[in-house]
PDB file of N, CA and C in Angstrom:
ATOM      1  N   MET A   1     -11.897 -55.935  51.714  1.00  0.00           N
ATOM      2  CA  MET A   1     -12.954 -55.804  50.947  1.00  0.00           C
ATOM      3  C   MET A   1     -12.490 -56.138  49.431  1.00  0.00           C
ATOM      4  N   SER A   2     -13.149 -56.957  48.722  1.00  0.00           N
ATOM      5  CA  SER A   2     -12.567 -57.352  47.263  1.00  0.00           C
ATOM      6  C   SER A   2     -12.880 -56.138  46.446  1.00  0.00           C
ATOM      7  N   ASN A   3     -12.249 -56.302  45.205  1.00  0.00           N
ATOM      8  CA  ASN A   3     -12.473 -55.160  44.128  1.00  0.00           C
ATOM      9  C   ASN A   3     -13.989 -55.568  43.453  1.00  0.00           C
ATOM     10  N   TRP A   4     -14.367 -54.519  42.740  1.00  0.00           N
ATOM     11  CA  TRP A   4     -15.655 -54.647  42.061  1.00  0.00           C
ATOM     12  C   TRP A   4     -15.475 -55.602  40.811  1.00  0.00           C
ATOM     13  N   HIS A   5     -16.347 -56.269  40.431  1.00  0.00           N
ATOM     14  CA  HIS A   5     -16.281 -57.463  39.385  1.00  0.00           C
ATOM     15  C   HIS A   5     -17.635 -57.461  38.858  1.00  0.00           C
ATOM     16  N   LYS A   6     -17.701 -57.828  37.534  1.00  0.00           N
ATOM     17  CA  LYS A   6     -19.102 -57.912  36.865  1.00  0.00           C
ATOM     18  C   LYS A   6     -19.735 -59.392  37.403  1.00  0.00           C
ATOM     19  N   SER A   7     -20.826 -59.003  37.783  1.00  0.00           N
ATOM     20  CA  SER A   7     -21.685 -60.184  38.377  1.00  0.00           C
ATOM     21  C   SER A   7     -21.859 -61.381  37.215  1.00  0.00           C
ATOM     22  N   SER A   8     -22.026 -62.457  37.733  1.00  0.00           N
ATOM     23  CA  SER A   8     -22.254 -63.763  36.842  1.00  0.00           C
ATOM     24  C   SER A   8     -23.760 -63.590  36.441  1.00  0.00           C
ATOM     25  N   TYR A   9     -24.601 -62.685  36.980  1.00  0.00           N
ATOM     26  CA  TYR A   9     -25.910 -62.669  36.798  1.00  0.00           C
ATOM     27  C   TYR A   9     -26.219 -61.572  35.690  1.00  0.00           C
ATOM     28  N   SER A  10     -25.229 -60.848  35.075  1.00  0.00           N
ATOM     29  CA  SER A  10     -25.154 -60.140  34.113  1.00  0.00           C
ATOM     30  C   SER A  10     -25.422 -60.494  32.730  1.00  0.00           C
ATOM     31  N   GLY A  11     -24.838 -61.635  32.582  1.00  0.00           N
ATOM     32  CA  GLY A  11     -24.997 -62.345  31.209  1.00  0.00           C
ATOM     33  C   GLY A  11     -24.206 -61.515  30.160  1.00  0.00           C
ATOM     34  N   GLY A  12     -24.588 -61.527  29.045  1.00  0.00           N
ATOM     35  CA  GLY A  12     -23.716 -61.088  28.003  1.00  0.00           C
ATOM     36  C   GLY A  12     -24.332 -59.660  27.484  1.00  0.00           C
ATOM     37  N   SER A  13     -25.279 -59.228  28.216  1.00  0.00           N
ATOM     38  CA  SER A  13     -25.870 -57.645  27.802  1.00  0.00           C
ATOM     39  C   SER A  13     -24.867 -56.826  28.291  1.00  0.00           C
ATOM     40  N   ASN A  14     -25.187 -55.498  27.736  1.00  0.00           N
ATOM     41  CA  ASN A  14     -24.516 -54.324  27.934  1.00  0.00           C
ATOM     42  C   ASN A  14     -25.054 -53.507  29.178  1.00  0.00           C
ATOM     43  N   GLU A  15     -26.039 -54.286  29.636  1.00  0.00           N
ATOM     44  CA  GLU A  15     -26.446 -53.720  31.323  1.00  0.00           C
ATOM     45  C   GLU A  15     -25.933 -54.533  32.329  1.00  0.00           C
ATOM     46  N   CYS A  16     -24.876 -54.300  32.635  1.00  0.00           N
ATOM     47  CA  CYS A  16     -24.245 -54.851  33.809  1.00  0.00           C
ATOM     48  C   CYS A  16     -24.541 -54.535  35.172  1.00  0.00           C
ATOM     49  N   VAL A  17     -24.258 -55.582  36.074  1.00  0.00           N
ATOM     50  CA  VAL A  17     -24.195 -55.247  37.483  1.00  0.00           C
ATOM     51  C   VAL A  17     -22.865 -55.638  37.964  1.00  0.00           C
ATOM     52  N   GLU A  18     -22.350 -54.907  38.910  1.00  0.00           N
ATOM     53  CA  GLU A  18     -21.024 -55.274  39.439  1.00  0.00           C
ATOM     54  C   GLU A  18     -21.271 -55.581  40.964  1.00  0.00           C
ATOM     55  N   ALA A  19     -20.369 -56.284  41.308  1.00  0.00           N
ATOM     56  CA  ALA A  19     -20.431 -56.923  42.707  1.00  0.00           C
ATOM     57  C   ALA A  19     -19.394 -56.980  43.507  1.00  0.00           C
ATOM     58  N   ARG A  20     -19.190 -56.855  44.792  1.00  0.00           N
ATOM     59  CA  ARG A  20     -17.912 -57.061  45.648  1.00  0.00           C
ATOM     60  C   ARG A  20     -18.361 -57.793  46.734  1.00  0.00           C
ATOM     61  N   GLU A  21     -17.574 -58.684  47.351  1.00  0.00           N
ATOM     62  CA  GLU A  21     -17.949 -59.461  48.393  1.00  0.00           C
ATOM     63  C   GLU A  21     -16.870 -58.914  49.527  1.00  0.00           C
ATOM     64  N   HIS A  22     -17.525 -59.251  50.866  1.00  0.00           N
ATOM     65  CA  HIS A  22     -16.843 -58.976  52.062  1.00  0.00           C
ATOM     66  C   HIS A  22     -17.250 -59.692  53.181  1.00  0.00           C
ATOM     67  N   GLN A  23     -16.649 -59.703  54.399  1.00  0.00           N
ATOM     68  CA  GLN A  23     -17.027 -60.166  55.478  1.00  0.00           C
ATOM     69  C   GLN A  23     -18.427 -60.076  55.856  1.00  0.00           C
ATOM     70  N   ALA A  24     -18.790 -58.678  55.741  1.00  0.00           N
ATOM     71  CA  ALA A  24     -20.367 -58.472  56.426  1.00  0.00           C
ATOM     72  C   ALA A  24     -21.388 -58.782  55.099  1.00  0.00           C
ATOM     73  N   GLY A  25     -21.002 -59.223  54.133  1.00  0.00           N
ATOM     74  CA  GLY A  25     -21.979 -59.800  52.927  1.00  0.00           C
ATOM     75  C   GLY A  25     -21.488 -59.315  51.368  1.00  0.00           C
ATOM     76  N   ALA A  26     -22.146 -58.609  50.819  1.00  0.00           N
ATOM     77  CA  ALA A  26     -22.036 -58.166  49.466  1.00  0.00           C
ATOM     78  C   ALA A  26     -22.419 -56.755  49.071  1.00  0.00           C
ATOM     79  N   ASP A  27     -22.120 -56.208  48.113  1.00  0.00           N
ATOM     80  CA  ASP A  27     -22.588 -55.045  47.484  1.00  0.00           C
ATOM     81  C   ASP A  27     -22.738 -54.974  46.085  1.00  0.00           C
ATOM     82  N   ALA A  28     -23.748 -54.520  45.492  1.00  0.00           N
ATOM     83  CA  ALA A  28     -24.053 -54.459  44.118  1.00  0.00           C
ATOM     84  C   ALA A  28     -24.187 -53.068  43.566  1.00  0.00           C
ATOM     85  N   ARG A  29     -23.811 -52.981  42.439  1.00  0.00           N
ATOM     86  CA  ARG A  29     -24.148 -51.550  41.698  1.00  0.00           C
ATOM     87  C   ARG A  29     -24.355 -51.728  40.163  1.00  0.00           C
ATOM     88  N   ASP A  30     -25.056 -50.677  39.712  1.00  0.00           N
ATOM     89  CA  ASP A  30     -25.296 -50.566  38.242  1.00  0.00           C
ATOM     90  C   ASP A  30     -23.883 -50.062  37.582  1.00  0.00           C
ATOM     91  N   THR A  31     -23.449 -50.832  36.579  1.00  0.00           N
ATOM     92  CA  THR A  31     -22.155 -50.273  36.165  1.00  0.00           C
ATOM     93  C   THR A  31     -22.075 -48.968  35.178  1.00  0.00           C
ATOM     94  N   ARG A  32     -23.273 -48.672  34.673  1.00  0.00           N
ATOM     95  CA  ARG A  32     -23.396 -47.323  34.067  1.00  0.00           C
ATOM     96  C   ARG A  32     -23.778 -46.283  34.897  1.00  0.00           C
ATOM     97  N   SER A  33     -24.141 -46.440  36.166  1.00  0.00           N
ATOM     98  CA  SER A  33     -24.554 -45.278  37.126  1.00  0.00           C
ATOM     99  C   SER A  33     -23.764 -45.584  38.296  1.00  0.00           C
ATOM    100  N   LYS A  34     -22.433 -45.757  38.408  1.00  0.00           N
ATOM    101  CA  LYS A  34     -21.653 -45.860  39.635  1.00  0.00           C
ATOM    102  C   LYS A  34     -21.821 -44.662  40.550  1.00  0.00           C
ATOM    103  N   GLU A  35     -22.268 -43.552  40.133  1.00  0.00           N
ATOM    104  CA  GLU A  35     -22.166 -42.295  40.943  1.00  0.00           C
ATOM    105  C   GLU A  35     -23.452 -42.338  41.767  1.00  0.00           C
ATOM    106  N   LEU A  36     -24.221 -43.220  41.529  1.00  0.00           N
ATOM    107  CA  LEU A  36     -25.679 -43.387  42.498  1.00  0.00           C
ATOM    108  C   LEU A  36     -25.490 -44.243  43.506  1.00  0.00           C
ATOM    109  N   GLY A  37     -24.331 -44.982  43.639  1.00  0.00           N
ATOM    110  CA  GLY A  37     -23.870 -45.804  45.076  1.00  0.00           C
ATOM    111  C   GLY A  37     -24.210 -47.109  44.681  1.00  0.00           C
ATOM    112  N   TYR A  38     -24.568 -47.671  45.634  1.00  0.00           N
ATOM    113  CA  TYR A  38     -24.747 -49.278  45.681  1.00  0.00           C
ATOM    114  C   TYR A  38     -25.608 -49.730  46.807  1.00  0.00           C
ATOM    115  N   LEU A  39     -25.924 -51.001  46.624  1.00  0.00           N
ATOM    116  CA  LEU A  39     -26.982 -51.623  47.446  1.00  0.00           C
ATOM    117  C   LEU A  39     -26.068 -52.588  48.290  1.00  0.00           C
ATOM    118  N   ALA A  40     -26.364 -52.622  49.610  1.00  0.00           N
ATOM    119  CA  ALA A  40     -25.565 -53.591  50.507  1.00  0.00           C
ATOM    120  C   ALA A  40     -26.327 -54.603  50.833  1.00  0.00           C
ATOM    121  N   PHE A  41     -25.800 -55.905  50.887  1.00  0.00           N
ATOM    122  CA  PHE A  41     -26.517 -57.040  51.333  1.00  0.00           C
ATOM    123  C   PHE A  41     -25.840 -57.678  52.455  1.00  0.00           C
ATOM    124  N   GLY A  42     -26.448 -58.183  53.537  1.00  0.00           N
ATOM    125  CA  GLY A  42     -25.926 -58.806  54.716  1.00  0.00           C
ATOM    126  C   GLY A  42     -25.713 -60.314  54.275  1.00  0.00           C
ATOM    127  N   PRO A  43     -24.848 -60.888  55.143  1.00  0.00           N
ATOM    128  CA  PRO A  43     -24.648 -62.468  54.812  1.00  0.00           C
ATOM    129  C   PRO A  43     -25.882 -63.265  54.691  1.00  0.00           C
ATOM    130  N   THR A  44     -26.975 -62.985  55.288  1.00  0.00           N
ATOM    131  CA  THR A  44     -28.134 -63.891  55.282  1.00  0.00           C
ATOM    132  C   THR A  44     -29.001 -63.668  53.982  1.00  0.00           C
ATOM    133  N   GLU A  45     -28.604 -62.587  53.144  1.00  0.00           N
ATOM    134  CA  GLU A  45     -29.533 -62.426  52.128  1.00  0.00           C
ATOM    135  C   GLU A  45     -29.236 -62.788  50.851  1.00  0.00           C
TER     136      GLU A  45
END
């Protein structure tokens, strides 16, 4: 599983989304609220 990185969809604002890619798809989380967990997306999403 790859490390978390700032998503290219975050743009230049302070409200960032982090993403990580893996064989089963990708995960996304709010940079400011990491404690709330993440959303998981399968490879077809």
